Amino acid sequence: MRDFWEEEEPKKKINKKKIVIIVLIVLILISSIVFAVVYFKNEQAREWIDKNVFRKEVLQNEATTIDLNDEESSNIYAFNKYIGILNKNKFSIYGSSGNEEQSLDIQISSPIFCSADRFLVIGEKKGQKLYLITDKDISWEASVEGNISQVYVNKNGYVAVAIVDTLSKTVISVYDTSGKELFKTYLSSTRTADVAISNDNKHLAIAEIDTSGTVIQSNVKIISIDKASSDPTNSLENTFKCASGKLLTDLQYQDKNRLVCMYTDSISIIEDGQESTLIDNANKNVIFQSIELNNNITSLEEQSSGLFTANTVITIMDVTNKTQKQYTVNSVAKSLYTAGNVIAVNVGTEVEFINTEGWLVKRYIANQEITNIVMTNDIAGIIYRDKIELVNL
């Protein structure tokens, strides 16, 4: 009888809204997983998704443009997020929208450029004038004794300048961010192939080439910037003598003072006082290579894909952990451009912009042969006779 008189417990109502939300979340997760698997595993599907979903394809005449006067010769360079055009001592700076954002007076007619992050150094080739631009403004300018043959700036705004036609074969001057000359170092009998300043501003590396003997001898000199600022004659920290006959062409400091060295036939790295090979081009049809990337290097190898066809296999190596990734372009590369974390491979009428993870960033398709590109990690300019087409990366 007790059960009879007790009130019947009300039934719990089902929260339909909560169930719908849970089902939607589950469906979204499943769809995302399926989408990711298809994108990463199916090359044809990835091509379609890149083009139609992610809009990674840019066509000529559909991009933002900067007009050029085809009757005048302009020097064009990309730095930071900008495209710079030097013409008649006027340096015009354009943003990604194609609008002029700044104009600077630069008394240089035949420029040599080098940039890192927000810094751009401009030197007069075989002249004396030197400028450092930070963002869109001139930080300082200087004149050197002799003729400038090379300029370099690191990501903190420290500048190195190689000067020739002096009593020494080559003089290298180093400036800090404010334009103060810290020291000069002299090479009496060798020429300089390249210079680099470490990311912590503590070391200057010099690629030194001696052609006086029967066989080319390349060396890498490491100079302490702190010691050289007070006593340049006792600032040499180390000299790495390269194998006889190897021609050193490029130097690039990476994080943790890793110094990457590019030769005509290989790429090596100097760390912890030892040099070791990263990429050996022996028995490979390597057509291009570059070390001008953030903590990565790349090598392009031509491989036959048929009787009259060939592909370009792009190998990307992380210098920190030595892992490799590959990306294949179904054509032969005409030229290679690198900056930051982006690799641009020109195959004639198309440019593939690939990141250092081995994935397509953008594809630019032209109606004519592409002959010149300028780029940074954020923007690229495809240069034609009468215009520059911009590709945001």
Protein backbone atom coordinates (compact mmCIF):
# COMPACT_ATOMS: atom_id res chain seq x y z
CA MET A 1 0.00 0.00 0.00
CA ARG A 2 2.92 2.30 0.68
CA ASP A 3 4.03 2.14 -2.94
CA PHE A 4 0.54 2.96 -4.04
CA TRP A 5 0.29 6.16 -2.00
CA GLU A 6 3.81 7.41 -2.76
CA GLU A 7 3.96 9.96 -5.52
CA GLU A 8 5.31 8.67 -8.75
CA GLU A 9 8.72 10.17 -9.53
CA PRO A 10 8.63 12.44 -12.57
CA LYS A 11 10.50 11.16 -15.63
CA LYS A 12 13.66 13.05 -16.58
CA LYS A 13 13.24 15.11 -19.70
CA ILE A 14 15.69 14.50 -22.50
CA ASN A 15 17.70 17.64 -23.36
CA LYS A 16 17.32 17.52 -27.12
CA LYS A 17 19.33 20.69 -27.63
CA LYS A 18 22.32 19.22 -25.78
CA ILE A 19 22.16 16.03 -27.83
CA VAL A 20 22.04 17.99 -31.09
CA ILE A 21 25.09 20.01 -30.05
CA ILE A 22 27.03 16.85 -29.11
CA VAL A 23 26.11 15.18 -32.40
CA LEU A 24 27.19 18.26 -34.36
CA ILE A 25 30.53 18.39 -32.53
CA VAL A 26 31.14 14.69 -33.22
CA LEU A 27 30.26 15.13 -36.90
CA ILE A 28 32.57 18.15 -37.20
CA LEU A 29 35.42 16.21 -35.58
CA ILE A 30 34.89 13.22 -37.87
CA SER A 31 34.65 15.49 -40.92
CA SER A 32 37.84 17.32 -39.90
CA ILE A 33 39.72 14.04 -39.47
CA VAL A 34 38.49 12.72 -42.82
CA PHE A 35 39.36 16.04 -44.51
CA ALA A 36 42.87 16.00 -43.00
CA VAL A 37 43.50 12.37 -44.01
CA VAL A 38 42.33 13.02 -47.57
CA TYR A 39 44.36 16.25 -47.81
CA PHE A 40 47.59 14.72 -46.55
CA LYS A 41 47.33 11.34 -48.28
CA ASN A 42 45.63 12.01 -51.62
CA GLU A 43 47.69 14.20 -53.95
CA GLN A 44 44.90 14.80 -56.48
CA ALA A 45 42.45 15.75 -53.74
CA ARG A 46 45.04 18.06 -52.19
CA GLU A 47 45.52 19.83 -55.54
CA TRP A 48 41.77 20.41 -55.83
CA ILE A 49 41.44 21.60 -52.21
CA ASP A 50 44.43 23.97 -52.53
CA LYS A 51 42.92 25.52 -55.65
CA ASN A 52 39.20 25.63 -54.82
CA VAL A 53 39.02 25.72 -51.01
CA PHE A 54 42.22 27.40 -49.81
CA ARG A 55 42.49 29.62 -52.94
CA LYS A 56 46.25 29.10 -53.18
CA GLU A 57 46.32 29.69 -56.93
CA VAL A 58 47.05 33.21 -58.21
CA LEU A 59 46.68 34.01 -61.91
CA GLN A 60 48.55 36.69 -63.86
CA ASN A 61 46.54 39.89 -64.36
CA GLU A 62 44.36 39.03 -61.34
CA ALA A 63 46.93 39.99 -58.70
CA THR A 64 47.52 43.41 -57.15
CA THR A 65 50.05 45.35 -59.23
CA ILE A 66 52.60 48.14 -58.99
CA ASP A 67 53.02 49.99 -62.28
CA LEU A 68 56.52 50.60 -63.64
CA ASN A 69 57.77 53.10 -66.18
CA ASP A 70 59.20 50.74 -68.78
CA GLU A 71 61.34 53.52 -70.21
CA GLU A 72 63.34 53.81 -67.01
CA SER A 73 65.66 51.27 -65.40
CA SER A 74 64.59 50.53 -61.83
CA ASN A 75 66.28 48.48 -59.10
CA ILE A 76 63.66 46.39 -57.30
CA TYR A 77 64.06 44.59 -53.98
CA ALA A 78 61.73 42.97 -51.43
CA PHE A 79 62.29 43.42 -47.70
CA ASN A 80 60.20 42.84 -44.58
CA LYS A 81 56.58 43.24 -45.84
CA TYR A 82 57.42 45.67 -48.62
CA ILE A 83 58.58 46.03 -52.20
CA GLY A 84 61.17 48.77 -52.73
CA ILE A 85 61.91 50.45 -56.06
CA LEU A 86 65.06 52.55 -56.41
CA ASN A 87 65.03 54.93 -59.36
CA LYS A 88 66.93 58.20 -59.83
CA ASN A 89 67.98 58.36 -56.15
CA LYS A 90 64.37 57.89 -55.01
CA PHE A 91 63.53 54.75 -53.05
CA SER A 92 59.76 54.15 -53.15
CA ILE A 93 58.34 51.65 -50.66
CA TYR A 94 55.09 49.81 -51.47
CA GLY A 95 52.91 47.63 -49.24
CA SER A 96 50.90 44.51 -50.08
CA SER A 97 47.99 46.66 -51.33
CA GLY A 98 50.21 48.09 -54.09
CA ASN A 99 50.12 51.62 -52.67
CA GLU A 100 53.23 53.71 -52.09
CA GLU A 101 53.74 54.05 -48.33
CA GLN A 102 57.05 55.89 -48.12
CA SER A 103 59.61 57.63 -50.32
CA LEU A 104 63.25 58.04 -49.29
CA ASP A 105 66.18 59.96 -50.79
CA ILE A 106 68.93 57.42 -51.40
CA GLN A 107 72.01 58.80 -53.18
CA ILE A 108 72.83 55.50 -54.88
CA SER A 109 72.54 54.59 -58.55
CA SER A 110 73.97 51.05 -58.63
CA PRO A 111 72.76 49.37 -55.42
CA ILE A 112 73.71 46.23 -53.53
CA PHE A 113 70.92 45.09 -51.20
CA CYS A 114 70.72 42.82 -48.15
CA SER A 115 67.87 42.49 -45.67
CA ALA A 116 66.91 40.64 -42.49
CA ASP A 117 63.56 40.99 -40.74
CA ARG A 118 62.81 44.76 -40.59
CA PHE A 119 66.32 45.90 -41.59
CA LEU A 120 67.57 46.69 -45.09
CA VAL A 121 71.12 47.75 -45.95
CA ILE A 122 71.87 49.40 -49.31
CA GLY A 123 75.40 50.01 -50.57
CA GLU A 124 76.70 51.64 -53.73
CA LYS A 125 78.37 48.92 -55.82
CA LYS A 126 81.97 50.02 -56.42
CA GLY A 127 81.12 53.23 -54.57
CA GLN A 128 81.26 54.67 -51.05
CA LYS A 129 77.69 55.35 -49.88
CA LEU A 130 75.94 53.09 -47.36
CA TYR A 131 72.43 53.26 -45.84
CA LEU A 132 70.55 51.26 -43.21
CA ILE A 133 66.75 51.36 -43.41
CA THR A 134 64.66 50.19 -40.45
CA ASP A 135 61.04 49.44 -41.33
CA LYS A 136 60.39 52.35 -43.74
CA ASP A 137 62.84 54.98 -42.49
CA ILE A 138 66.57 55.67 -42.84
CA SER A 139 68.32 54.84 -39.55
CA TRP A 140 71.76 56.01 -40.61
CA GLU A 141 74.04 56.59 -43.57
CA ALA A 142 77.80 56.50 -43.95
CA SER A 143 80.63 56.81 -46.46
CA VAL A 144 83.53 54.36 -46.66
CA GLU A 145 87.10 54.66 -47.93
CA GLY A 146 87.49 52.41 -50.94
CA ASN A 147 84.80 50.71 -53.00
CA ILE A 148 81.96 48.59 -51.63
CA SER A 149 81.82 45.05 -53.01
CA GLN A 150 79.38 43.43 -50.57
CA VAL A 151 76.96 44.31 -47.75
CA TYR A 152 75.31 42.22 -45.05
CA VAL A 153 72.84 42.90 -42.21
CA ASN A 154 71.66 40.53 -39.49
CA LYS A 155 68.22 40.46 -37.89
CA ASN A 156 69.32 42.89 -35.16
CA GLY A 157 70.56 45.55 -37.57
CA TYR A 158 74.31 44.90 -37.30
CA VAL A 159 75.99 45.61 -40.66
CA ALA A 160 79.13 44.23 -42.30
CA VAL A 161 80.62 45.82 -45.44
CA ALA A 162 83.33 44.34 -47.65
CA ILE A 163 85.51 47.06 -49.21
CA VAL A 164 88.04 46.62 -52.02
CA ASP A 165 90.54 48.81 -53.90
CA THR A 166 92.43 49.75 -50.76
CA LEU A 167 96.00 48.98 -49.60
CA SER A 168 94.70 45.60 -48.40
CA LYS A 169 93.01 43.20 -50.81
CA THR A 170 89.78 43.41 -48.78
CA VAL A 171 88.69 45.44 -45.75
CA ILE A 172 85.61 44.45 -43.75
CA SER A 173 83.92 47.11 -41.59
CA VAL A 174 81.31 46.24 -38.98
CA TYR A 175 78.67 48.71 -37.70
CA ASP A 176 76.15 48.40 -34.88
CA THR A 177 72.45 49.29 -35.17
CA SER A 178 73.09 52.97 -34.47
CA GLY A 179 75.67 53.26 -37.27
CA LYS A 180 78.72 53.29 -35.02
CA GLU A 181 81.68 51.62 -36.69
CA LEU A 182 82.87 48.92 -34.27
CA PHE A 183 86.03 47.78 -36.06
CA LYS A 184 87.77 46.97 -39.34
CA THR A 185 89.46 43.70 -40.24
CA TYR A 186 91.95 43.36 -43.09
CA LEU A 187 92.62 40.55 -45.58
CA SER A 188 95.96 41.19 -47.24
CA SER A 189 96.17 38.36 -49.80
CA THR A 190 92.74 36.72 -50.12
CA ARG A 191 89.35 37.79 -51.36
CA THR A 192 86.02 37.54 -49.55
CA ALA A 193 83.25 35.33 -50.96
CA ASP A 194 80.74 36.13 -48.19
CA VAL A 195 80.34 37.47 -44.65
CA ALA A 196 77.76 36.81 -41.92
CA ILE A 197 77.05 38.11 -38.41
CA SER A 198 75.61 35.78 -35.78
CA ASN A 199 72.09 36.33 -34.45
CA ASP A 200 73.48 37.29 -31.03
CA ASN A 201 75.82 39.92 -32.56
CA LYS A 202 78.87 38.17 -31.08
CA HIS A 203 80.61 36.69 -34.12
CA LEU A 204 81.60 37.71 -37.63
CA ALA A 205 82.21 34.88 -40.10
CA ILE A 206 84.26 35.46 -43.25
CA ALA A 207 84.39 33.14 -46.25
CA GLU A 208 87.96 33.63 -47.45
CA ILE A 209 89.14 32.42 -50.88
CA ASP A 210 92.82 32.02 -51.77
CA THR A 211 93.44 31.64 -55.50
CA SER A 212 97.19 32.28 -55.42
CA GLY A 213 98.11 28.57 -55.54
CA THR A 214 97.51 25.90 -58.15
CA VAL A 215 94.38 24.74 -56.26
CA ILE A 216 91.66 26.94 -54.75
CA GLN A 217 91.76 27.08 -50.95
CA SER A 218 88.65 28.18 -49.02
CA ASN A 219 88.72 29.05 -45.33
CA VAL A 220 86.17 30.23 -42.77
CA LYS A 221 87.41 32.76 -40.23
CA ILE A 222 85.42 33.41 -37.04
CA ILE A 223 86.07 36.77 -35.37
CA SER A 224 84.83 37.85 -31.94
CA ILE A 225 83.00 41.16 -32.36
CA ASP A 226 83.49 42.07 -28.68
CA LYS A 227 87.25 41.48 -28.87
CA ALA A 228 87.58 43.19 -32.25
CA SER A 229 85.83 46.32 -30.94
CA SER A 230 88.73 46.87 -28.52
CA ASP A 231 91.63 44.96 -30.12
CA PRO A 232 91.06 43.94 -33.76
CA THR A 233 94.50 42.31 -34.10
CA ASN A 234 93.69 39.70 -31.41
CA SER A 235 90.06 38.98 -32.22
CA LEU A 236 90.39 35.83 -34.36
CA GLU A 237 88.69 32.95 -32.54
CA ASN A 238 88.95 30.15 -35.08
CA THR A 239 89.89 29.30 -38.66
CA PHE A 240 88.35 26.33 -40.44
CA LYS A 241 90.42 25.17 -43.39
CA CYS A 242 88.15 23.65 -46.04
CA ALA A 243 89.13 20.68 -48.16
CA SER A 244 91.52 21.63 -50.95
CA GLY A 245 89.75 22.50 -54.20
CA LYS A 246 86.32 23.16 -52.62
CA LEU A 247 84.88 26.57 -53.48
CA LEU A 248 82.96 28.24 -50.65
CA THR A 249 80.19 30.52 -51.97
CA ASP A 250 77.83 31.42 -49.10
CA LEU A 251 77.61 31.64 -45.30
CA GLN A 252 74.52 31.85 -43.11
CA TYR A 253 74.25 31.93 -39.31
CA GLN A 254 71.31 30.02 -37.85
CA ASP A 255 70.10 29.88 -34.24
CA LYS A 256 72.51 28.87 -31.46
CA ASN A 257 75.52 30.07 -33.49
CA ARG A 258 75.24 27.28 -36.05
CA LEU A 259 77.11 28.44 -39.15
CA VAL A 260 75.98 26.88 -42.42
CA CYS A 261 78.49 26.86 -45.29
CA MET A 262 77.52 26.37 -48.92
CA TYR A 263 80.04 25.05 -51.42
CA THR A 264 79.55 24.46 -55.14
CA ASP A 265 79.25 20.71 -54.47
CA SER A 266 77.87 20.40 -50.92
CA ILE A 267 76.46 22.10 -47.81
CA SER A 268 78.04 21.74 -44.38
CA ILE A 269 77.55 23.10 -40.88
CA ILE A 270 79.98 24.35 -38.23
CA GLU A 271 78.78 23.81 -34.66
CA ASP A 272 80.59 23.11 -31.41
CA GLY A 273 83.89 23.82 -33.16
CA GLN A 274 83.45 21.07 -35.77
CA GLU A 275 82.42 21.09 -39.42
CA SER A 276 80.20 18.29 -40.74
CA THR A 277 78.49 17.67 -44.08
CA LEU A 278 74.71 18.11 -44.33
CA ILE A 279 74.18 17.55 -48.06
CA ASP A 280 76.64 16.01 -50.52
CA ASN A 281 75.86 16.55 -54.20
CA ALA A 282 78.10 13.75 -55.44
CA ASN A 283 76.33 11.51 -57.99
CA LYS A 284 73.28 13.81 -57.97
CA ASN A 285 72.00 16.16 -60.65
CA VAL A 286 71.65 19.11 -58.28
CA ILE A 287 70.63 22.24 -60.17
CA PHE A 288 70.10 24.71 -57.30
CA GLN A 289 70.70 24.90 -53.56
CA SER A 290 70.26 27.56 -50.88
CA ILE A 291 71.06 28.16 -47.22
CA GLU A 292 69.20 31.51 -47.03
CA LEU A 293 66.36 30.15 -44.83
CA ASN A 294 65.47 30.16 -41.14
CA ASN A 295 67.16 27.08 -39.62
CA ASN A 296 66.72 25.17 -42.89
CA ILE A 297 68.56 24.51 -46.13
CA THR A 298 67.26 23.28 -49.47
CA SER A 299 68.60 21.41 -52.48
CA LEU A 300 66.90 20.95 -55.87
CA GLU A 301 67.66 17.82 -57.86
CA GLU A 302 66.51 17.11 -61.40
CA GLN A 303 65.20 13.55 -61.82
CA SER A 304 64.03 11.90 -65.03
CA SER A 305 60.30 11.09 -65.12
CA GLY A 306 60.09 9.82 -68.70
CA LEU A 307 61.87 9.63 -72.02
CA PHE A 308 61.81 13.42 -72.55
CA THR A 309 60.48 14.67 -69.20
CA ALA A 310 61.92 15.39 -65.79
CA ASN A 311 60.78 16.45 -62.32
CA THR A 312 62.43 18.66 -59.73
CA VAL A 313 62.72 17.06 -56.29
CA ILE A 314 63.08 19.68 -53.56
CA THR A 315 64.80 18.44 -50.41
CA ILE A 316 64.41 20.58 -47.30
CA MET A 317 66.56 19.87 -44.24
CA ASP A 318 66.10 21.24 -40.73
CA VAL A 319 69.63 22.00 -39.51
CA THR A 320 68.53 21.67 -35.88
CA ASN A 321 67.52 18.01 -35.96
CA LYS A 322 68.72 17.05 -39.47
CA THR A 323 65.25 15.80 -40.51
CA GLN A 324 64.37 16.00 -44.21
CA LYS A 325 61.19 16.68 -46.16
CA GLN A 326 60.59 16.50 -49.90
CA TYR A 327 58.33 18.23 -52.38
CA THR A 328 58.17 17.35 -56.08
CA VAL A 329 57.44 19.75 -58.92
CA ASN A 330 56.42 18.12 -62.19
CA SER A 331 58.78 20.23 -64.28
CA VAL A 332 62.40 21.37 -64.37
CA ALA A 333 63.21 24.41 -62.21
CA LYS A 334 64.49 27.50 -64.01
CA SER A 335 65.47 29.42 -60.88
CA LEU A 336 65.28 29.30 -57.07
CA TYR A 337 64.50 32.04 -54.52
CA THR A 338 64.46 31.65 -50.73
CA ALA A 339 63.61 33.88 -47.76
CA GLY A 340 62.61 33.19 -44.17
CA ASN A 341 60.51 30.02 -44.26
CA VAL A 342 59.52 30.19 -47.94
CA ILE A 343 61.07 28.55 -51.01
CA ALA A 344 60.05 29.80 -54.48
CA VAL A 345 60.67 27.51 -57.46
CA ASN A 346 60.25 29.08 -60.90
CA VAL A 347 59.45 26.49 -63.58
CA GLY A 348 58.92 28.94 -66.45
CA THR A 349 55.32 30.14 -66.48
CA GLU A 350 54.56 29.02 -62.92
CA VAL A 351 56.07 29.66 -59.51
CA GLU A 352 55.53 27.24 -56.62
CA PHE A 353 55.89 28.89 -53.20
CA ILE A 354 56.60 26.16 -50.64
CA ASN A 355 57.20 26.47 -46.90
CA THR A 356 60.00 24.71 -45.02
CA GLU A 357 57.50 22.09 -43.81
CA GLY A 358 57.18 20.96 -47.42
CA TRP A 359 53.68 22.28 -48.13
CA LEU A 360 52.41 24.54 -50.89
CA VAL A 361 51.82 28.14 -49.78
CA LYS A 362 50.84 29.71 -53.13
CA ARG A 363 51.04 28.90 -56.82
CA TYR A 364 51.42 31.75 -59.31
CA ILE A 365 50.46 31.01 -62.94
CA ALA A 366 51.52 33.38 -65.73
CA ASN A 367 50.75 33.72 -69.42
CA GLN A 368 54.40 34.27 -70.26
CA GLU A 369 57.88 33.30 -69.16
CA ILE A 370 58.78 34.51 -65.65
CA THR A 371 62.32 35.86 -65.51
CA ASN A 372 62.64 37.80 -62.27
CA ILE A 373 61.19 37.51 -58.75
CA VAL A 374 61.83 39.37 -55.51
CA MET A 375 60.49 37.98 -52.24
CA THR A 376 60.51 37.90 -48.46
CA ASN A 377 58.78 35.59 -46.01
CA ASP A 378 55.58 37.66 -46.38
CA ILE A 379 55.40 39.00 -49.92
CA ALA A 380 56.65 38.24 -53.44
CA GLY A 381 56.88 40.43 -56.51
CA ILE A 382 56.75 38.96 -60.02
CA ILE A 383 58.58 41.50 -62.16
CA TYR A 384 57.53 42.33 -65.70
CA ARG A 385 58.67 45.10 -68.04
CA ASP A 386 55.85 47.48 -67.07
CA LYS A 387 54.61 46.21 -63.71
CA ILE A 388 55.17 44.12 -60.60
CA GLU A 389 52.46 41.61 -59.64
CA LEU A 390 52.21 41.03 -55.87
CA VAL A 391 51.66 37.67 -54.20
CA ASN A 392 50.92 37.71 -50.47
CA LEU A 393 52.49 34.75 -48.74
